[in-house]
């Protein structure tokens, strides 16, 4: 088996003195979409925050692209190709669409950044003619697309997404997941996605981890859980 792009090994962590993850291990291979599901409060978002460097690793280790990143800063992780799009429509309301995208390219040269922005906007035609508009004036769906576009500007090897469907109208959810699948296929961006819309994320992910009380309750191919209501109910109870 080829080396994992991301490997979490026996990690403990939490907030202050409150432990959230317990001896947690998972891995993501190059080119995959891997989903993380589970009940609210199970530690799903904590996994992503630990990977990107927002939370310290108490015990265990996190490896990205063959190197330990347990003590690496968020900015260094971004430069190395690891980016994080947090929960909710996290855009800068008082900045334009273009300015939101430019902020994401803080470490890139000007000419390269322009190319990155042009290339990324080709995936989001609804934003191409809105670059001068304030992000706060966009619809919820457009803001979510902008947040995703911004996460792609650094040209990530691995994209961490925390509930990308949150706040989207039901008719936009399918489009959002199709866009993620398209980016994974055409841009070769590996993804680790926390998501509550289980059926939708299982349809686009290769493998899935279910988290319960800070531990892995299930890890395997997404196909194993598709339509398996009994197993899903067990994992969420």
C-alpha atoms as a PDB file:
ATOM      1  CA  UNK A   1       0.000   0.000   0.000  1.00  0.00           C
ATOM      2  CA  UNK A   2       1.275   3.479  -0.842  1.00  0.00           C
ATOM      3  CA  UNK A   3       2.121   5.919   1.939  1.00  0.00           C
ATOM      4  CA  UNK A   4      -0.867   7.820   3.326  1.00  0.00           C
ATOM      5  CA  UNK A   5      -1.050  11.533   2.528  1.00  0.00           C
ATOM      6  CA  UNK A   6      -2.480  12.044   6.028  1.00  0.00           C
ATOM      7  CA  UNK A   7      -2.035   9.728   8.981  1.00  0.00           C
ATOM      8  CA  UNK A   8      -3.312  10.317  12.508  1.00  0.00           C
ATOM      9  CA  UNK A   9      -1.824   7.905  15.020  1.00  0.00           C
ATOM     10  CA  UNK A  10      -3.262   7.316  18.515  1.00  0.00           C
ATOM     11  CA  UNK A  11      -4.099  10.981  19.113  1.00  0.00           C
ATOM     12  CA  UNK A  12      -5.487  12.425  22.333  1.00  0.00           C
ATOM     13  CA  UNK A  13      -6.521  16.085  22.474  1.00  0.00           C
ATOM     14  CA  UNK A  14      -9.211  18.468  23.670  1.00  0.00           C
ATOM     15  CA  UNK A  15      -9.905  21.952  24.981  1.00  0.00           C
ATOM     16  CA  UNK A  16      -8.195  23.101  28.158  1.00  0.00           C
ATOM     17  CA  UNK A  17      -8.470  20.185  30.559  1.00  0.00           C
ATOM     18  CA  UNK A  18     -11.448  18.668  28.726  1.00  0.00           C
ATOM     19  CA  UNK A  19     -10.450  15.690  26.584  1.00  0.00           C
ATOM     20  CA  UNK A  20     -12.403  15.171  23.363  1.00  0.00           C
ATOM     21  CA  UNK A  21     -10.402  12.667  21.267  1.00  0.00           C
ATOM     22  CA  UNK A  22      -9.210   9.366  22.722  1.00  0.00           C
ATOM     23  CA  UNK A  23      -6.465   7.291  21.051  1.00  0.00           C
ATOM     24  CA  UNK A  24      -7.852   8.221  17.643  1.00  0.00           C
ATOM     25  CA  UNK A  25      -6.253   6.915  14.439  1.00  0.00           C
ATOM     26  CA  UNK A  26      -7.250   7.409  10.798  1.00  0.00           C
ATOM     27  CA  UNK A  27      -5.620   7.859   7.404  1.00  0.00           C
ATOM     28  CA  UNK A  28      -6.328   9.456   4.042  1.00  0.00           C
ATOM     29  CA  UNK A  29      -4.756   8.284   0.786  1.00  0.00           C
ATOM     30  CA  UNK A  30      -3.778  10.590  -2.063  1.00  0.00           C
ATOM     31  CA  UNK A  31      -6.765  11.366  -4.318  1.00  0.00           C
ATOM     32  CA  UNK A  32      -9.458  10.155  -1.935  1.00  0.00           C
ATOM     33  CA  UNK A  33     -12.532  11.831  -0.540  1.00  0.00           C
ATOM     34  CA  UNK A  34     -12.843  10.586   3.040  1.00  0.00           C
ATOM     35  CA  UNK A  35     -15.858  11.549   5.132  1.00  0.00           C
ATOM     36  CA  UNK A  36     -16.248  11.837   8.895  1.00  0.00           C
ATOM     37  CA  UNK A  37     -19.736  11.330  10.301  1.00  0.00           C
ATOM     38  CA  UNK A  38     -21.215  10.888  13.762  1.00  0.00           C
ATOM     39  CA  UNK A  39     -23.461  12.486  16.393  1.00  0.00           C
ATOM     40  CA  UNK A  40     -23.152  16.125  17.429  1.00  0.00           C
ATOM     41  CA  UNK A  41     -20.448  16.576  20.028  1.00  0.00           C
ATOM     42  CA  UNK A  42     -18.604  13.394  19.087  1.00  0.00           C
ATOM     43  CA  UNK A  43     -15.347  15.191  18.198  1.00  0.00           C
ATOM     44  CA  UNK A  44     -15.594  15.454  14.409  1.00  0.00           C
ATOM     45  CA  UNK A  45     -14.652  19.133  14.120  1.00  0.00           C
ATOM     46  CA  UNK A  46     -11.952  18.658  16.752  1.00  0.00           C
ATOM     47  CA  UNK A  47     -10.212  16.204  14.400  1.00  0.00           C
ATOM     48  CA  UNK A  48      -9.934  18.833  11.657  1.00  0.00           C
ATOM     49  CA  UNK A  49      -8.764  21.541  14.061  1.00  0.00           C
ATOM     50  CA  UNK A  50      -6.074  19.216  15.387  1.00  0.00           C
ATOM     51  CA  UNK A  51      -4.847  18.310  11.911  1.00  0.00           C
ATOM     52  CA  UNK A  52      -4.541  21.919  10.725  1.00  0.00           C
ATOM     53  CA  UNK A  53      -2.759  23.072  13.894  1.00  0.00           C
ATOM     54  CA  UNK A  54      -5.469  24.993  15.716  1.00  0.00           C
ATOM     55  CA  UNK A  55      -5.400  22.506  18.613  1.00  0.00           C
ATOM     56  CA  UNK A  56      -2.326  20.862  20.174  1.00  0.00           C
ATOM     57  CA  UNK A  57      -1.709  17.123  20.066  1.00  0.00           C
ATOM     58  CA  UNK A  58      -1.572  15.861  23.660  1.00  0.00           C
ATOM     59  CA  UNK A  59      -0.512  12.340  22.763  1.00  0.00           C
ATOM     60  CA  UNK A  60       0.187  10.525  19.517  1.00  0.00           C
ATOM     61  CA  UNK A  61       1.181  12.077  16.203  1.00  0.00           C
ATOM     62  CA  UNK A  62      -0.133  13.564  12.962  1.00  0.00           C
ATOM     63  CA  UNK A  63       1.734  12.970   9.707  1.00  0.00           C
ATOM     64  CA  UNK A  64       1.152  14.880   6.483  1.00  0.00           C
ATOM     65  CA  UNK A  65       2.975  14.044   3.274  1.00  0.00           C
ATOM     66  CA  UNK A  66       5.368  11.837   5.233  1.00  0.00           C
ATOM     67  CA  UNK A  67       6.312  14.393   7.905  1.00  0.00           C
ATOM     68  CA  UNK A  68       5.136  14.936  11.472  1.00  0.00           C
ATOM     69  CA  UNK A  69       3.109  18.153  11.768  1.00  0.00           C
ATOM     70  CA  UNK A  70       2.061  17.873  15.417  1.00  0.00           C
ATOM     71  CA  UNK A  71       3.930  21.086  16.275  1.00  0.00           C
ATOM     72  CA  UNK A  72       3.627  22.887  12.939  1.00  0.00           C
ATOM     73  CA  UNK A  73       1.790  26.226  12.745  1.00  0.00           C
ATOM     74  CA  UNK A  74      -1.375  26.763  10.706  1.00  0.00           C
ATOM     75  CA  UNK A  75       0.459  29.062   8.261  1.00  0.00           C
ATOM     76  CA  UNK A  76       3.225  26.493   7.704  1.00  0.00           C
ATOM     77  CA  UNK A  77       0.596  23.825   7.068  1.00  0.00           C
ATOM     78  CA  UNK A  78      -1.058  26.027   4.457  1.00  0.00           C
ATOM     79  CA  UNK A  79       2.288  26.580   2.733  1.00  0.00           C
ATOM     80  CA  UNK A  80       2.818  22.796   2.731  1.00  0.00           C
ATOM     81  CA  UNK A  81      -0.525  22.204   1.010  1.00  0.00           C
ATOM     82  CA  UNK A  82      -2.915  21.606   3.905  1.00  0.00           C
ATOM     83  CA  UNK A  83      -5.895  23.976   4.060  1.00  0.00           C
ATOM     84  CA  UNK A  84      -8.984  24.141   6.269  1.00  0.00           C
ATOM     85  CA  UNK A  85     -12.416  25.542   5.479  1.00  0.00           C
ATOM     86  CA  UNK A  86     -14.240  25.879   8.820  1.00  0.00           C
ATOM     87  CA  UNK A  87     -17.909  25.432   9.592  1.00  0.00           C
ATOM     88  CA  UNK A  88     -20.348  28.041   8.303  1.00  0.00           C
ATOM     89  CA  UNK A  89     -20.077  30.706   5.612  1.00  0.00           C
ATOM     90  CA  UNK A  90     -16.765  32.108   6.826  1.00  0.00           C
ATOM     91  CA  UNK A  91     -16.256  35.025   4.458  1.00  0.00           C
ATOM     92  CA  UNK A  92     -15.162  38.599   5.139  1.00  0.00           C
ATOM     93  CA  UNK A  93     -18.429  40.473   4.657  1.00  0.00           C
ATOM     94  CA  UNK A  94     -16.891  43.931   4.218  1.00  0.00           C
ATOM     95  CA  UNK A  95     -14.399  42.789   1.579  1.00  0.00           C
ATOM     96  CA  UNK A  96     -15.153  42.097  -2.061  1.00  0.00           C
ATOM     97  CA  UNK A  97     -15.199  38.609  -3.536  1.00  0.00           C
ATOM     98  CA  UNK A  98     -11.809  39.287  -5.131  1.00  0.00           C
ATOM     99  CA  UNK A  99     -10.316  40.588  -1.880  1.00  0.00           C
ATOM    100  CA  UNK A 100     -11.531  37.466  -0.069  1.00  0.00           C
ATOM    101  CA  UNK A 101      -9.668  35.355  -2.615  1.00  0.00           C
ATOM    102  CA  UNK A 102      -6.533  37.503  -2.515  1.00  0.00           C
ATOM    103  CA  UNK A 103      -6.263  37.096   1.258  1.00  0.00           C
ATOM    104  CA  UNK A 104      -6.009  33.338   0.792  1.00  0.00           C
ATOM    105  CA  UNK A 105      -2.936  33.809  -1.404  1.00  0.00           C
ATOM    106  CA  UNK A 106      -0.887  35.690   1.177  1.00  0.00           C
ATOM    107  CA  UNK A 107       2.162  33.478   0.578  1.00  0.00           C
ATOM    108  CA  UNK A 108       2.060  33.526  -3.223  1.00  0.00           C
ATOM    109  CA  UNK A 109       3.715  35.823  -5.733  1.00  0.00           C
ATOM    110  CA  UNK A 110       1.429  38.340  -7.432  1.00  0.00           C
ATOM    111  CA  UNK A 111       1.475  36.799 -10.922  1.00  0.00           C
ATOM    112  CA  UNK A 112       0.953  33.294  -9.588  1.00  0.00           C
ATOM    113  CA  UNK A 113      -1.889  34.477  -7.363  1.00  0.00           C
ATOM    114  CA  UNK A 114      -3.725  36.002 -10.328  1.00  0.00           C
ATOM    115  CA  UNK A 115      -3.441  32.700 -12.176  1.00  0.00           C
ATOM    116  CA  UNK A 116      -4.666  30.792  -9.143  1.00  0.00           C
ATOM    117  CA  UNK A 117      -7.689  33.092  -8.789  1.00  0.00           C
ATOM    118  CA  UNK A 118      -8.572  32.877 -12.483  1.00  0.00           C
ATOM    119  CA  UNK A 119      -8.219  29.088 -12.444  1.00  0.00           C
ATOM    120  CA  UNK A 120     -10.289  28.702  -9.283  1.00  0.00           C
ATOM    121  CA  UNK A 121     -13.076  31.004 -10.476  1.00  0.00           C
ATOM    122  CA  UNK A 122     -13.497  28.802 -13.550  1.00  0.00           C
ATOM    123  CA  UNK A 123     -15.081  26.255 -11.175  1.00  0.00           C
ATOM    124  CA  UNK A 124     -17.514  28.843  -9.834  1.00  0.00           C
ATOM    125  CA  UNK A 125     -19.140  30.660 -12.778  1.00  0.00           C
ATOM    126  CA  UNK A 126     -21.627  32.309 -10.430  1.00  0.00           C
ATOM    127  CA  UNK A 127     -18.752  34.249  -8.835  1.00  0.00           C
ATOM    128  CA  UNK A 128     -16.826  35.173 -11.979  1.00  0.00           C
ATOM    129  CA  UNK A 129     -18.850  38.317 -12.656  1.00  0.00           C
ATOM    130  CA  UNK A 130     -19.212  39.215  -8.962  1.00  0.00           C
ATOM    131  CA  UNK A 131     -15.566  39.783  -8.013  1.00  0.00           C
ATOM    132  CA  UNK A 132     -16.175  43.454  -7.216  1.00  0.00           C
ATOM    133  CA  UNK A 133     -19.226  42.784  -5.026  1.00  0.00           C
ATOM    134  CA  UNK A 134     -19.062  42.781  -1.240  1.00  0.00           C
ATOM    135  CA  UNK A 135     -19.087  39.225   0.074  1.00  0.00           C
ATOM    136  CA  UNK A 136     -21.707  40.174   2.655  1.00  0.00           C
ATOM    137  CA  UNK A 137     -24.163  40.900  -0.166  1.00  0.00           C
ATOM    138  CA  UNK A 138     -23.927  37.392  -1.587  1.00  0.00           C
ATOM    139  CA  UNK A 139     -26.571  34.761  -0.918  1.00  0.00           C
ATOM    140  CA  UNK A 140     -25.839  31.990   1.578  1.00  0.00           C
ATOM    141  CA  UNK A 141     -25.092  29.553  -1.221  1.00  0.00           C
ATOM    142  CA  UNK A 142     -22.783  32.013  -2.955  1.00  0.00           C
ATOM    143  CA  UNK A 143     -20.936  32.699   0.291  1.00  0.00           C
ATOM    144  CA  UNK A 144     -20.402  28.980   0.765  1.00  0.00           C
ATOM    145  CA  UNK A 145     -19.015  28.734  -2.748  1.00  0.00           C
ATOM    146  CA  UNK A 146     -16.718  31.686  -2.026  1.00  0.00           C
ATOM    147  CA  UNK A 147     -15.453  30.011   1.151  1.00  0.00           C
ATOM    148  CA  UNK A 148     -14.690  26.877  -0.853  1.00  0.00           C
ATOM    149  CA  UNK A 149     -13.032  28.879  -3.645  1.00  0.00           C
ATOM    150  CA  UNK A 150     -10.878  30.693  -1.093  1.00  0.00           C
ATOM    151  CA  UNK A 151      -9.731  27.369   0.393  1.00  0.00           C
ATOM    152  CA  UNK A 152      -8.556  26.293  -3.077  1.00  0.00           C
ATOM    153  CA  UNK A 153      -6.408  29.372  -3.745  1.00  0.00           C
ATOM    154  CA  UNK A 154      -3.300  27.981  -1.943  1.00  0.00           C
ATOM    155  CA  UNK A 155      -3.460  24.944  -4.288  1.00  0.00           C
ATOM    156  CA  UNK A 156      -3.915  22.408  -1.488  1.00  0.00           C
ATOM    157  CA  UNK A 157      -2.839  18.792  -1.579  1.00  0.00           C
ATOM    158  CA  UNK A 158      -5.389  18.105   1.162  1.00  0.00           C
ATOM    159  CA  UNK A 159      -8.536  20.128   1.833  1.00  0.00           C
ATOM    160  CA  UNK A 160     -10.250  19.847   5.219  1.00  0.00           C
ATOM    161  CA  UNK A 161     -13.932  20.809   5.085  1.00  0.00           C
ATOM    162  CA  UNK A 162     -16.168  21.205   8.142  1.00  0.00           C
ATOM    163  CA  UNK A 163     -19.834  20.738   7.183  1.00  0.00           C
ATOM    164  CA  UNK A 164     -19.747  22.396   3.752  1.00  0.00           C
ATOM    165  CA  UNK A 165     -23.539  22.002   3.423  1.00  0.00           C
ATOM    166  CA  UNK A 166     -24.312  23.933   6.620  1.00  0.00           C
ATOM    167  CA  UNK A 167     -26.800  26.734   6.009  1.00  0.00           C
ATOM    168  CA  UNK A 168     -27.481  25.792   2.403  1.00  0.00           C
ATOM    169  CA  UNK A 169     -31.031  25.560   1.113  1.00  0.00           C
ATOM    170  CA  UNK A 170     -32.020  21.943   0.331  1.00  0.00           C
ATOM    171  CA  UNK A 171     -32.002  22.596  -3.409  1.00  0.00           C
ATOM    172  CA  UNK A 172     -28.372  23.782  -3.227  1.00  0.00           C
ATOM    173  CA  UNK A 173     -26.986  20.875  -1.215  1.00  0.00           C
ATOM    174  CA  UNK A 174     -26.795  18.488  -4.169  1.00  0.00           C
ATOM    175  CA  UNK A 175     -24.996  21.110  -6.270  1.00  0.00           C
ATOM    176  CA  UNK A 176     -22.469  21.698  -3.482  1.00  0.00           C
ATOM    177  CA  UNK A 177     -21.580  18.018  -3.212  1.00  0.00           C
ATOM    178  CA  UNK A 178     -21.340  17.656  -6.988  1.00  0.00           C
ATOM    179  CA  UNK A 179     -18.934  20.602  -6.997  1.00  0.00           C
ATOM    180  CA  UNK A 180     -16.739  18.903  -4.384  1.00  0.00           C
ATOM    181  CA  UNK A 181     -16.671  15.687  -6.414  1.00  0.00           C
ATOM    182  CA  UNK A 182     -15.773  17.661  -9.548  1.00  0.00           C
ATOM    183  CA  UNK A 183     -12.898  19.460  -7.816  1.00  0.00           C
ATOM    184  CA  UNK A 184     -11.582  16.178  -6.425  1.00  0.00           C
ATOM    185  CA  UNK A 185     -11.649  14.557  -9.852  1.00  0.00           C
ATOM    186  CA  UNK A 186     -10.390  17.371 -12.063  1.00  0.00           C
ATOM    187  CA  UNK A 187      -8.026  19.201  -9.695  1.00  0.00           C
ATOM    188  CA  UNK A 188      -6.847  16.048  -7.914  1.00  0.00           C
ATOM    189  CA  UNK A 189      -7.509  17.634  -4.510  1.00  0.00           C
ATOM    190  CA  UNK A 190      -7.684  15.067  -1.706  1.00  0.00           C
ATOM    191  CA  UNK A 191     -10.464  15.848   0.793  1.00  0.00           C
ATOM    192  CA  UNK A 192     -11.345  15.031   4.386  1.00  0.00           C
ATOM    193  CA  UNK A 193     -14.910  16.186   5.027  1.00  0.00           C
ATOM    194  CA  UNK A 194     -16.931  16.394   8.241  1.00  0.00           C
ATOM    195  CA  UNK A 195     -20.615  16.282   7.300  1.00  0.00           C
ATOM    196  CA  UNK A 196     -24.012  15.741   8.931  1.00  0.00           C
ATOM    197  CA  UNK A 197     -25.859  15.033   5.681  1.00  0.00           C
ATOM    198  CA  UNK A 198     -24.864  11.387   5.746  1.00  0.00           C
ATOM    199  CA  UNK A 199     -26.523  10.052   2.593  1.00  0.00           C
ATOM    200  CA  UNK A 200     -25.161  12.864   0.452  1.00  0.00           C
ATOM    201  CA  UNK A 201     -21.567  12.600   1.684  1.00  0.00           C
ATOM    202  CA  UNK A 202     -21.533   8.807   1.370  1.00  0.00           C
ATOM    203  CA  UNK A 203     -22.445   9.222  -2.292  1.00  0.00           C
ATOM    204  CA  UNK A 204     -19.239  11.132  -3.087  1.00  0.00           C
ATOM    205  CA  UNK A 205     -16.727   9.734  -0.568  1.00  0.00           C
ATOM    206  CA  UNK A 206     -14.488   6.712  -1.063  1.00  0.00           C
ATOM    207  CA  UNK A 207     -14.173   5.858   2.612  1.00  0.00           C
ATOM    208  CA  UNK A 208     -15.842   6.924   5.833  1.00  0.00           C
ATOM    209  CA  UNK A 209     -15.027   7.131   9.519  1.00  0.00           C
ATOM    210  CA  UNK A 210     -17.791   7.331  12.095  1.00  0.00           C
ATOM    211  CA  UNK A 211     -16.811   9.020  15.363  1.00  0.00           C
ATOM    212  CA  UNK A 212     -18.532   8.341  18.664  1.00  0.00           C
ATOM    213  CA  UNK A 213     -17.474   9.820  22.023  1.00  0.00           C
ATOM    214  CA  UNK A 214     -14.108  10.832  20.565  1.00  0.00           C
ATOM    215  CA  UNK A 215     -13.242   7.392  19.215  1.00  0.00           C
ATOM    216  CA  UNK A 216     -13.518   5.687  15.825  1.00  0.00           C
ATOM    217  CA  UNK A 217     -16.682   3.581  15.881  1.00  0.00           C
ATOM    218  CA  UNK A 218     -16.442   2.560  12.215  1.00  0.00           C
ATOM    219  CA  UNK A 219     -13.886   2.854   9.467  1.00  0.00           C
ATOM    220  CA  UNK A 220     -14.321   1.440   5.987  1.00  0.00           C
ATOM    221  CA  UNK A 221     -15.629   1.934   2.474  1.00  0.00           C
ATOM    222  CA  UNK A 222     -18.587   4.282   2.094  1.00  0.00           C
ATOM    223  CA  UNK A 223     -20.435   1.573   0.167  1.00  0.00           C
ATOM    224  CA  UNK A 224     -20.666  -0.449   3.391  1.00  0.00           C
ATOM    225  CA  UNK A 225     -22.953   2.184   4.973  1.00  0.00           C
ATOM    226  CA  UNK A 226     -25.003   3.315   1.970  1.00  0.00           C
ATOM    227  CA  UNK A 227     -28.622   2.400   2.607  1.00  0.00           C
ATOM    228  CA  UNK A 228     -27.661   0.482   5.765  1.00  0.00           C
ATOM    229  CA  UNK A 229     -30.142   2.190   8.086  1.00  0.00           C
ATOM    230  CA  UNK A 230     -29.629  -0.315  10.909  1.00  0.00           C
ATOM    231  CA  UNK A 231     -25.865   0.236  11.039  1.00  0.00           C
ATOM    232  CA  UNK A 232     -26.214   4.003  10.697  1.00  0.00           C
ATOM    233  CA  UNK A 233     -28.720   4.104  13.551  1.00  0.00           C
ATOM    234  CA  UNK A 234     -26.270   2.182  15.728  1.00  0.00           C
ATOM    235  CA  UNK A 235     -23.486   4.639  14.937  1.00  0.00           C
ATOM    236  CA  UNK A 236     -25.606   7.678  15.737  1.00  0.00           C
ATOM    237  CA  UNK A 237     -27.224   6.396  18.956  1.00  0.00           C
END
